[in-house]
Amino acid sequence: MSEVKSKVPGVVDEVKATIGDKIEKGQIIVVMEAMKMKMPIASPESGVLKTLNVNAGDRVNPGMVLFDITAE
């Protein structure tokens, strides 16, 4: 299982997947806005989206887990 954490403080602009979706390595799962820049957050591996801890509009801090991917 791969936990993907926020590296910077920001706001979740868009969520592009739902729990249970099959995910490909490099697929964009979350788009954050930080310092007036859009930052796409991609999956580090292929698998299934196990958890999704954010929604559009949520504020996040560095180190917060955004989502988990479980290998199939």
C-alpha atoms as a PDB file:
ATOM      1  CA  MET A   1       0.000   0.000   0.000  1.00  0.00           C
ATOM      2  CA  SER A   2       1.283   3.462  -0.885  1.00  0.00           C
ATOM      3  CA  GLU A   3       0.276   6.467   1.187  1.00  0.00           C
ATOM      4  CA  VAL A   4       0.461   9.729  -0.728  1.00  0.00           C
ATOM      5  CA  LYS A   5       1.003  12.763   1.499  1.00  0.00           C
ATOM      6  CA  SER A   6       0.822  16.474   0.858  1.00  0.00           C
ATOM      7  CA  LYS A   7       4.223  18.118   0.561  1.00  0.00           C
ATOM      8  CA  VAL A   8       2.938  21.676   0.918  1.00  0.00           C
ATOM      9  CA  PRO A   9       0.025  23.474   2.569  1.00  0.00           C
ATOM     10  CA  GLY A  10      -2.816  24.212   0.196  1.00  0.00           C
ATOM     11  CA  VAL A  11      -6.438  23.691  -0.782  1.00  0.00           C
ATOM     12  CA  VAL A  12      -7.842  20.713  -2.670  1.00  0.00           C
ATOM     13  CA  ASP A  13      -9.147  22.094  -5.965  1.00  0.00           C
ATOM     14  CA  GLU A  14     -10.406  18.866  -7.542  1.00  0.00           C
ATOM     15  CA  VAL A  15     -10.687  15.133  -6.808  1.00  0.00           C
ATOM     16  CA  LYS A  16     -10.511  12.997  -9.961  1.00  0.00           C
ATOM     17  CA  ALA A  17     -11.182   9.479  -8.584  1.00  0.00           C
ATOM     18  CA  THR A  18     -13.383   7.651  -6.094  1.00  0.00           C
ATOM     19  CA  ILE A  19     -12.658   4.859  -3.620  1.00  0.00           C
ATOM     20  CA  GLY A  20     -12.552   1.490  -5.374  1.00  0.00           C
ATOM     21  CA  ASP A  21     -11.414   2.890  -8.730  1.00  0.00           C
ATOM     22  CA  LYS A  22      -8.645   1.043 -10.565  1.00  0.00           C
ATOM     23  CA  ILE A  23      -5.726   3.443 -10.817  1.00  0.00           C
ATOM     24  CA  GLU A  24      -2.777   3.458 -13.216  1.00  0.00           C
ATOM     25  CA  LYS A  25       0.696   4.618 -12.193  1.00  0.00           C
ATOM     26  CA  GLY A  26       0.960   8.341 -12.934  1.00  0.00           C
ATOM     27  CA  GLN A  27      -2.813   8.912 -12.990  1.00  0.00           C
ATOM     28  CA  ILE A  28      -3.844  12.249 -11.435  1.00  0.00           C
ATOM     29  CA  ILE A  29      -5.947  11.639  -8.313  1.00  0.00           C
ATOM     30  CA  VAL A  30      -6.050  15.074  -6.650  1.00  0.00           C
ATOM     31  CA  VAL A  31      -5.382  18.607  -7.881  1.00  0.00           C
ATOM     32  CA  MET A  32      -4.258  21.026  -5.178  1.00  0.00           C
ATOM     33  CA  GLU A  33      -3.844  24.772  -5.267  1.00  0.00           C
ATOM     34  CA  ALA A  34      -0.900  26.204  -3.377  1.00  0.00           C
ATOM     35  CA  MET A  35       0.591  29.670  -3.770  1.00  0.00           C
ATOM     36  CA  LYS A  36      -1.852  30.353  -6.641  1.00  0.00           C
ATOM     37  CA  MET A  37      -0.496  27.367  -8.595  1.00  0.00           C
ATOM     38  CA  LYS A  38      -2.350  24.166  -9.524  1.00  0.00           C
ATOM     39  CA  MET A  39      -0.441  21.072  -8.453  1.00  0.00           C
ATOM     40  CA  PRO A  40      -1.585  17.682  -9.797  1.00  0.00           C
ATOM     41  CA  ILE A  41      -0.931  14.804  -7.379  1.00  0.00           C
ATOM     42  CA  ALA A  42      -0.414  11.504  -9.210  1.00  0.00           C
ATOM     43  CA  SER A  43      -0.458   7.898  -8.063  1.00  0.00           C
ATOM     44  CA  PRO A  44       3.023   6.437  -7.499  1.00  0.00           C
ATOM     45  CA  GLU A  45       1.841   2.946  -8.517  1.00  0.00           C
ATOM     46  CA  SER A  46      -0.975   1.040 -10.208  1.00  0.00           C
ATOM     47  CA  GLY A  47      -3.656  -0.515  -8.021  1.00  0.00           C
ATOM     48  CA  VAL A  48      -6.969   0.283  -6.372  1.00  0.00           C
ATOM     49  CA  LEU A  49      -7.806   3.525  -4.580  1.00  0.00           C
ATOM     50  CA  LYS A  50      -8.264   2.238  -1.029  1.00  0.00           C
ATOM     51  CA  THR A  51      -8.807   5.495   0.881  1.00  0.00           C
ATOM     52  CA  LEU A  52      -9.417   9.089  -0.115  1.00  0.00           C
ATOM     53  CA  ASN A  53      -9.028  11.496   2.797  1.00  0.00           C
ATOM     54  CA  VAL A  54      -9.844  14.805   1.093  1.00  0.00           C
ATOM     55  CA  ASN A  55     -12.676  16.512  -0.762  1.00  0.00           C
ATOM     56  CA  ALA A  56     -12.689  19.571  -3.013  1.00  0.00           C
ATOM     57  CA  GLY A  57     -12.335  22.693  -0.874  1.00  0.00           C
ATOM     58  CA  ASP A  58     -10.458  20.984   1.993  1.00  0.00           C
ATOM     59  CA  ARG A  59      -7.390  22.696   3.426  1.00  0.00           C
ATOM     60  CA  VAL A  60      -4.388  20.410   3.832  1.00  0.00           C
ATOM     61  CA  ASN A  61      -1.119  20.674   5.706  1.00  0.00           C
ATOM     62  CA  PRO A  62       2.258  19.176   4.858  1.00  0.00           C
ATOM     63  CA  GLY A  63       2.416  15.502   5.825  1.00  0.00           C
ATOM     64  CA  MET A  64      -1.346  14.943   5.659  1.00  0.00           C
ATOM     65  CA  VAL A  65      -2.263  11.673   3.909  1.00  0.00           C
ATOM     66  CA  LEU A  66      -4.307  12.498   0.800  1.00  0.00           C
ATOM     67  CA  PHE A  67      -5.005   8.947  -0.423  1.00  0.00           C
ATOM     68  CA  ASP A  68      -3.815   5.325  -0.330  1.00  0.00           C
ATOM     69  CA  ILE A  69      -3.279   2.988  -3.288  1.00  0.00           C
ATOM     70  CA  THR A  70      -3.290  -0.792  -2.765  1.00  0.00           C
ATOM     71  CA  ALA A  71      -1.628  -3.004  -5.351  1.00  0.00           C
ATOM     72  CA  GLU A  72      -3.962  -5.536  -6.965  1.00  0.00           C
END
